[in-house]
């Protein structure tokens, strides 16, 4: 299977449900996974930013990855979040994820450290040398404070055969063109911003790694399918309906808004680990108003 075909479609950056005692709510997690698979989601991304990975212990992270692999049963690609701001920790987490059966790993740029591009190359190369599975880079300057330049992505893709994709979450569709020009069309670009999925697809992105699809997986899949099948008016209509919902997922720190919406549907408790907290009363009112007009 080529890079393009295995990364084509919508991947869900999974939330991690918690019980009132702070432990992982496995029953809720299974409900979430079942909803994704039934909707036709192509990839599952446990232990990423949306999964509150920074607050999970290494043991919890590994258990979530292994559980996701088992539940997917070949029905979806499993892309495990293993990136940290410590290279040795990223290497160890990536090895554990590969051993647990993950198809690939998602590596965020080291946050807080703000490494140079040379530092990013050394960091990602160290992980690539340690594992044989796919690696998707993750550029999200709004959270990490540093972006992966198109030249750096190209250098990594050329030097390391298992660095095959990038999740681009910098809010700029023009990055797709720059990345394809530098790294070549065989290097997969995933959109990392739900509201920009359609323009990213139009410029050559192969898929979307989504927060919104936790709550509205079928609609996110429908947009991708409409685009890929050439039903452009349908795709535009869905895009226009989904953009307000996508924007609402970030009215307060993610994943608080999407967890609120899932809790409203009885999917899980509205519990986050500190320092994140549930949405405010004002945020809940805004989300409720949007939900009433949501596409179904």
Protein backbone atom coordinates (compact mmCIF):
# COMPACT_ATOMS: atom_id res chain seq x y z
CA UNK A 1 0.00 0.00 0.00
CA UNK A 2 1.38 3.40 -0.98
CA UNK A 3 1.81 6.35 1.33
CA UNK A 4 -1.17 8.01 -0.32
CA UNK A 5 -3.66 5.18 -0.02
CA UNK A 6 -2.98 4.25 3.58
CA UNK A 7 -3.22 7.86 4.73
CA UNK A 8 -6.17 8.82 2.54
CA UNK A 9 -9.26 9.92 4.45
CA UNK A 10 -10.17 11.13 7.91
CA UNK A 11 -8.17 10.20 11.00
CA UNK A 12 -9.58 11.01 14.44
CA UNK A 13 -7.34 12.54 17.11
CA UNK A 14 -9.05 10.60 19.89
CA UNK A 15 -10.01 12.12 23.22
CA UNK A 16 -9.26 10.11 26.36
CA UNK A 17 -12.37 9.64 28.53
CA UNK A 18 -11.90 9.71 32.30
CA UNK A 19 -13.99 8.55 35.22
CA UNK A 20 -14.75 10.73 38.22
CA UNK A 21 -11.88 9.10 40.09
CA UNK A 22 -9.48 10.23 37.36
CA UNK A 23 -8.83 6.82 35.81
CA UNK A 24 -9.44 6.02 32.14
CA UNK A 25 -13.05 5.17 31.32
CA UNK A 26 -12.60 2.13 29.09
CA UNK A 27 -16.30 1.60 28.42
CA UNK A 28 -16.59 5.17 27.14
CA UNK A 29 -13.43 4.75 25.08
CA UNK A 30 -14.88 1.67 23.42
CA UNK A 31 -18.08 3.55 22.61
CA UNK A 32 -15.98 6.27 21.03
CA UNK A 33 -13.96 3.77 18.98
CA UNK A 34 -17.10 1.98 17.80
CA UNK A 35 -18.60 5.29 16.66
CA UNK A 36 -15.47 6.07 14.65
CA UNK A 37 -15.30 2.69 12.94
CA UNK A 38 -19.01 2.66 12.12
CA UNK A 39 -18.71 6.09 10.49
CA UNK A 40 -15.90 5.00 8.18
CA UNK A 41 -13.01 6.79 9.88
CA UNK A 42 -9.79 5.56 8.24
CA UNK A 43 -7.36 6.25 11.06
CA UNK A 44 -7.36 6.31 14.85
CA UNK A 45 -4.89 8.52 16.69
CA UNK A 46 -4.64 7.68 20.40
CA UNK A 47 -2.45 9.57 22.89
CA UNK A 48 -2.14 12.77 20.91
CA UNK A 49 -2.66 16.34 22.04
CA UNK A 50 -6.45 15.87 21.93
CA UNK A 51 -6.02 12.77 24.08
CA UNK A 52 -4.35 14.85 26.82
CA UNK A 53 -1.16 12.86 26.34
CA UNK A 54 0.88 15.25 28.46
CA UNK A 55 -1.13 14.23 31.53
CA UNK A 56 -1.03 10.47 30.89
CA UNK A 57 1.56 8.20 32.45
CA UNK A 58 3.73 6.11 30.09
CA UNK A 59 1.81 3.04 31.26
CA UNK A 60 -1.54 4.66 30.45
CA UNK A 61 -0.28 5.75 27.05
CA UNK A 62 0.89 2.27 26.15
CA UNK A 63 -2.32 0.66 27.35
CA UNK A 64 -4.40 3.08 25.27
CA UNK A 65 -2.34 2.36 22.17
CA UNK A 66 -2.52 -1.42 22.63
CA UNK A 67 -6.25 -1.25 23.32
CA UNK A 68 -6.83 0.81 20.18
CA UNK A 69 -4.81 -1.63 18.07
CA UNK A 70 -6.87 -4.54 19.40
CA UNK A 71 -10.22 -2.82 18.85
CA UNK A 72 -9.35 -1.62 15.36
CA UNK A 73 -8.77 -5.21 14.20
CA UNK A 74 -7.48 -4.15 10.81
CA UNK A 75 -10.42 -1.82 10.24
CA UNK A 76 -8.44 1.38 10.69
CA UNK A 77 -4.86 2.59 10.63
CA UNK A 78 -3.54 3.23 14.14
CA UNK A 79 -1.27 6.26 14.42
CA UNK A 80 0.02 6.61 17.97
CA UNK A 81 1.06 9.94 19.41
CA UNK A 82 4.57 9.45 20.77
CA UNK A 83 6.22 12.83 20.41
CA UNK A 84 7.57 14.73 23.41
CA UNK A 85 10.08 17.52 23.96
CA UNK A 86 12.73 15.00 25.06
CA UNK A 87 14.29 13.00 22.24
CA UNK A 88 15.11 9.94 24.35
CA UNK A 89 11.54 9.84 25.66
CA UNK A 90 10.16 10.12 22.12
CA UNK A 91 12.39 7.25 21.01
CA UNK A 92 11.29 5.06 23.91
CA UNK A 93 7.59 5.86 23.42
CA UNK A 94 7.81 5.20 19.69
CA UNK A 95 9.48 1.83 20.25
CA UNK A 96 6.77 0.86 22.73
CA UNK A 97 4.02 1.92 20.33
CA UNK A 98 5.55 -0.06 17.47
CA UNK A 99 5.89 -3.12 19.69
CA UNK A 100 2.23 -2.73 20.68
CA UNK A 101 1.20 -2.97 17.02
CA UNK A 102 0.73 0.66 15.99
CA UNK A 103 0.99 1.17 12.23
CA UNK A 104 2.73 4.48 12.66
CA UNK A 105 3.66 7.20 15.13
CA UNK A 106 2.83 10.89 15.21
CA UNK A 107 5.71 13.12 16.33
CA UNK A 108 4.96 16.64 17.45
CA UNK A 109 7.75 19.20 17.30
CA UNK A 110 9.43 19.48 20.70
CA UNK A 111 7.49 22.08 22.65
CA UNK A 112 8.95 24.62 25.09
CA UNK A 113 12.52 23.90 23.91
CA UNK A 114 11.88 25.63 20.55
CA UNK A 115 14.73 23.85 18.73
CA UNK A 116 16.28 25.14 15.51
CA UNK A 117 15.54 23.40 12.23
CA UNK A 118 18.85 21.54 12.63
CA UNK A 119 17.67 20.42 16.05
CA UNK A 120 14.37 19.22 14.58
CA UNK A 121 16.23 17.19 11.95
CA UNK A 122 18.39 15.57 14.60
CA UNK A 123 15.39 14.89 16.86
CA UNK A 124 13.17 13.32 14.22
CA UNK A 125 16.07 11.40 12.70
CA UNK A 126 16.84 9.80 16.05
CA UNK A 127 13.30 8.46 16.28
CA UNK A 128 13.29 7.33 12.66
CA UNK A 129 16.49 5.36 13.25
CA UNK A 130 14.94 3.64 16.27
CA UNK A 131 11.74 2.32 14.66
CA UNK A 132 10.66 0.76 11.40
CA UNK A 133 7.05 1.92 11.36
CA UNK A 134 5.66 4.96 9.54
CA UNK A 135 6.36 8.38 10.99
CA UNK A 136 4.06 11.36 10.53
CA UNK A 137 5.61 14.64 11.58
CA UNK A 138 3.37 17.13 13.37
CA UNK A 139 3.83 20.86 12.87
CA UNK A 140 1.63 22.90 15.22
CA UNK A 141 3.40 26.18 16.00
CA UNK A 142 0.45 27.54 17.98
CA UNK A 143 1.05 24.90 20.66
CA UNK A 144 4.72 24.07 20.27
CA UNK A 145 6.19 27.45 19.38
CA UNK A 146 8.12 26.15 16.36
CA UNK A 147 7.11 24.94 12.90
CA UNK A 148 8.70 22.46 10.52
CA UNK A 149 9.81 24.29 7.39
CA UNK A 150 9.10 22.71 4.03
CA UNK A 151 12.86 22.37 3.50
CA UNK A 152 13.25 20.50 6.77
CA UNK A 153 10.37 18.17 5.90
CA UNK A 154 11.98 17.49 2.53
CA UNK A 155 15.37 16.79 4.06
CA UNK A 156 13.86 14.34 6.53
CA UNK A 157 11.77 12.58 3.90
CA UNK A 158 14.80 12.18 1.67
CA UNK A 159 17.08 10.94 4.43
CA UNK A 160 14.67 8.63 6.29
CA UNK A 161 12.45 6.25 4.33
CA UNK A 162 9.97 5.85 7.18
CA UNK A 163 9.28 9.58 7.51
CA UNK A 164 6.40 9.62 5.06
CA UNK A 165 3.87 12.26 6.12
CA UNK A 166 3.20 15.48 8.00
CA UNK A 167 0.21 16.77 9.93
CA UNK A 168 0.15 20.46 9.13
CA UNK A 169 -1.70 22.51 11.75
CA UNK A 170 -0.36 25.99 11.20
CA UNK A 171 -3.56 27.39 9.73
CA UNK A 172 -2.14 28.15 6.28
CA UNK A 173 -3.33 26.17 3.22
CA UNK A 174 -0.40 27.54 1.21
CA UNK A 175 1.83 25.22 3.25
CA UNK A 176 0.44 22.27 1.27
CA UNK A 177 1.89 23.67 -1.95
CA UNK A 178 5.22 24.47 -0.30
CA UNK A 179 5.50 21.00 1.23
CA UNK A 180 4.60 19.23 -2.02
CA UNK A 181 7.08 21.38 -3.94
CA UNK A 182 9.90 20.66 -1.50
CA UNK A 183 9.23 17.05 -0.44
CA UNK A 184 7.45 15.84 -3.56
CA UNK A 185 3.87 14.66 -4.12
CA UNK A 186 4.65 11.26 -2.59
CA UNK A 187 5.13 12.87 0.82
CA UNK A 188 1.69 12.90 2.40
CA UNK A 189 0.22 16.07 3.84
CA UNK A 190 -2.62 15.78 6.37
CA UNK A 191 -4.67 18.79 7.33
CA UNK A 192 -4.56 19.43 11.07
CA UNK A 193 -7.28 22.11 11.17
CA UNK A 194 -10.86 20.90 10.67
CA UNK A 195 -12.11 24.17 9.23
CA UNK A 196 -9.46 24.09 6.50
CA UNK A 197 -10.02 20.50 5.36
CA UNK A 198 -11.61 21.36 2.01
CA UNK A 199 -9.01 23.94 0.88
CA UNK A 200 -6.27 21.54 2.01
CA UNK A 201 -7.82 18.73 -0.06
CA UNK A 202 -8.05 21.05 -3.06
CA UNK A 203 -4.34 21.82 -2.82
CA UNK A 204 -3.24 18.19 -2.56
CA UNK A 205 -3.60 17.08 1.06
CA UNK A 206 -4.51 13.40 1.26
CA UNK A 207 -6.47 13.49 4.48
CA UNK A 208 -7.46 15.15 7.72
CA UNK A 209 -6.44 14.46 11.31
CA UNK A 210 -9.52 15.73 13.09
CA UNK A 211 -10.73 16.85 16.51
CA UNK A 212 -14.29 17.43 15.30
CA UNK A 213 -14.66 13.82 14.14
CA UNK A 214 -14.75 12.67 17.75
CA UNK A 215 -18.19 14.27 17.82
CA UNK A 216 -19.21 14.30 14.14
CA UNK A 217 -17.30 11.49 12.40
CA UNK A 218 -19.91 10.74 9.75
CA UNK A 219 -20.06 14.35 8.58
CA UNK A 220 -16.28 14.67 8.40
CA UNK A 221 -16.13 11.46 6.36
CA UNK A 222 -18.97 12.69 4.13
CA UNK A 223 -17.03 15.85 3.31
CA UNK A 224 -13.92 13.89 2.40
CA UNK A 225 -15.90 11.45 0.25
CA UNK A 226 -17.76 14.23 -1.55
CA UNK A 227 -14.46 15.85 -2.43
CA UNK A 228 -12.71 12.64 -3.46
CA UNK A 229 -15.67 11.60 -5.63
CA UNK A 230 -15.80 14.95 -7.41
CA UNK A 231 -19.11 16.08 -5.89
CA UNK A 232 -17.82 19.58 -5.40
CA UNK A 233 -21.09 21.32 -4.58
CA UNK A 234 -21.83 18.72 -1.92
CA UNK A 235 -18.34 19.15 -0.52
CA UNK A 236 -18.71 22.93 -0.38
CA UNK A 237 -22.10 22.67 1.31
CA UNK A 238 -20.73 20.32 3.97
CA UNK A 239 -17.68 22.53 4.45
CA UNK A 240 -19.87 25.56 5.11
CA UNK A 241 -21.96 23.63 7.63
CA UNK A 242 -18.97 22.15 9.44
CA UNK A 243 -16.76 25.24 9.73
CA UNK A 244 -18.75 26.80 12.62
CA UNK A 245 -18.62 23.48 14.47
CA UNK A 246 -14.89 23.14 13.81
CA UNK A 247 -14.25 26.63 15.12
CA UNK A 248 -16.34 25.87 18.22
CA UNK A 249 -14.02 23.02 19.13
CA UNK A 250 -11.44 25.67 20.02
CA UNK A 251 -13.51 28.36 21.72
CA UNK A 252 -11.69 27.21 24.88
CA UNK A 253 -8.66 24.97 25.34
CA UNK A 254 -9.05 21.72 23.42
CA UNK A 255 -10.27 19.06 24.10
CA UNK A 256 -12.67 20.70 26.59
CA UNK A 257 -15.25 21.74 23.95
CA UNK A 258 -15.38 18.39 22.16
CA UNK A 259 -15.56 16.54 25.49
CA UNK A 260 -18.47 18.78 26.44
CA UNK A 261 -20.34 17.85 23.28
CA UNK A 262 -19.65 14.15 23.76
CA UNK A 263 -20.84 14.39 27.36
CA UNK A 264 -24.05 16.05 26.21
CA UNK A 265 -24.73 12.97 24.10
CA UNK A 266 -24.00 10.58 26.95
CA UNK A 267 -20.81 9.27 25.39
CA UNK A 268 -18.60 10.05 28.40
CA UNK A 269 -18.24 12.21 31.47
CA UNK A 270 -17.09 15.80 31.01
CA UNK A 271 -13.83 15.23 32.87
CA UNK A 272 -10.38 16.56 31.98
CA UNK A 273 -7.10 16.29 33.81
CA UNK A 274 -5.62 19.43 35.31
CA UNK A 275 -4.44 21.89 34.26
CA UNK A 276 -7.30 21.60 31.74
CA UNK A 277 -10.83 22.16 33.02
CA UNK A 278 -14.33 21.78 31.53
CA UNK A 279 -15.74 24.60 29.42
CA UNK A 280 -17.14 27.64 31.15
CA UNK A 281 -20.87 28.38 31.42
CA UNK A 282 -20.53 30.86 28.56
CA UNK A 283 -18.72 28.27 26.45
CA UNK A 284 -21.39 25.69 27.18
CA UNK A 285 -24.08 28.11 26.05
CA UNK A 286 -22.26 28.79 22.79
CA UNK A 287 -21.76 25.09 22.14
CA UNK A 288 -25.40 24.34 22.92
CA UNK A 289 -26.58 26.91 20.43
CA UNK A 290 -24.32 25.48 17.71
CA UNK A 291 -25.34 21.92 18.50
CA UNK A 292 -28.98 22.75 17.94
CA UNK A 293 -28.16 23.67 14.34
CA UNK A 294 -25.55 20.95 13.73
CA UNK A 295 -25.66 18.85 10.57
CA UNK A 296 -26.79 15.30 11.06
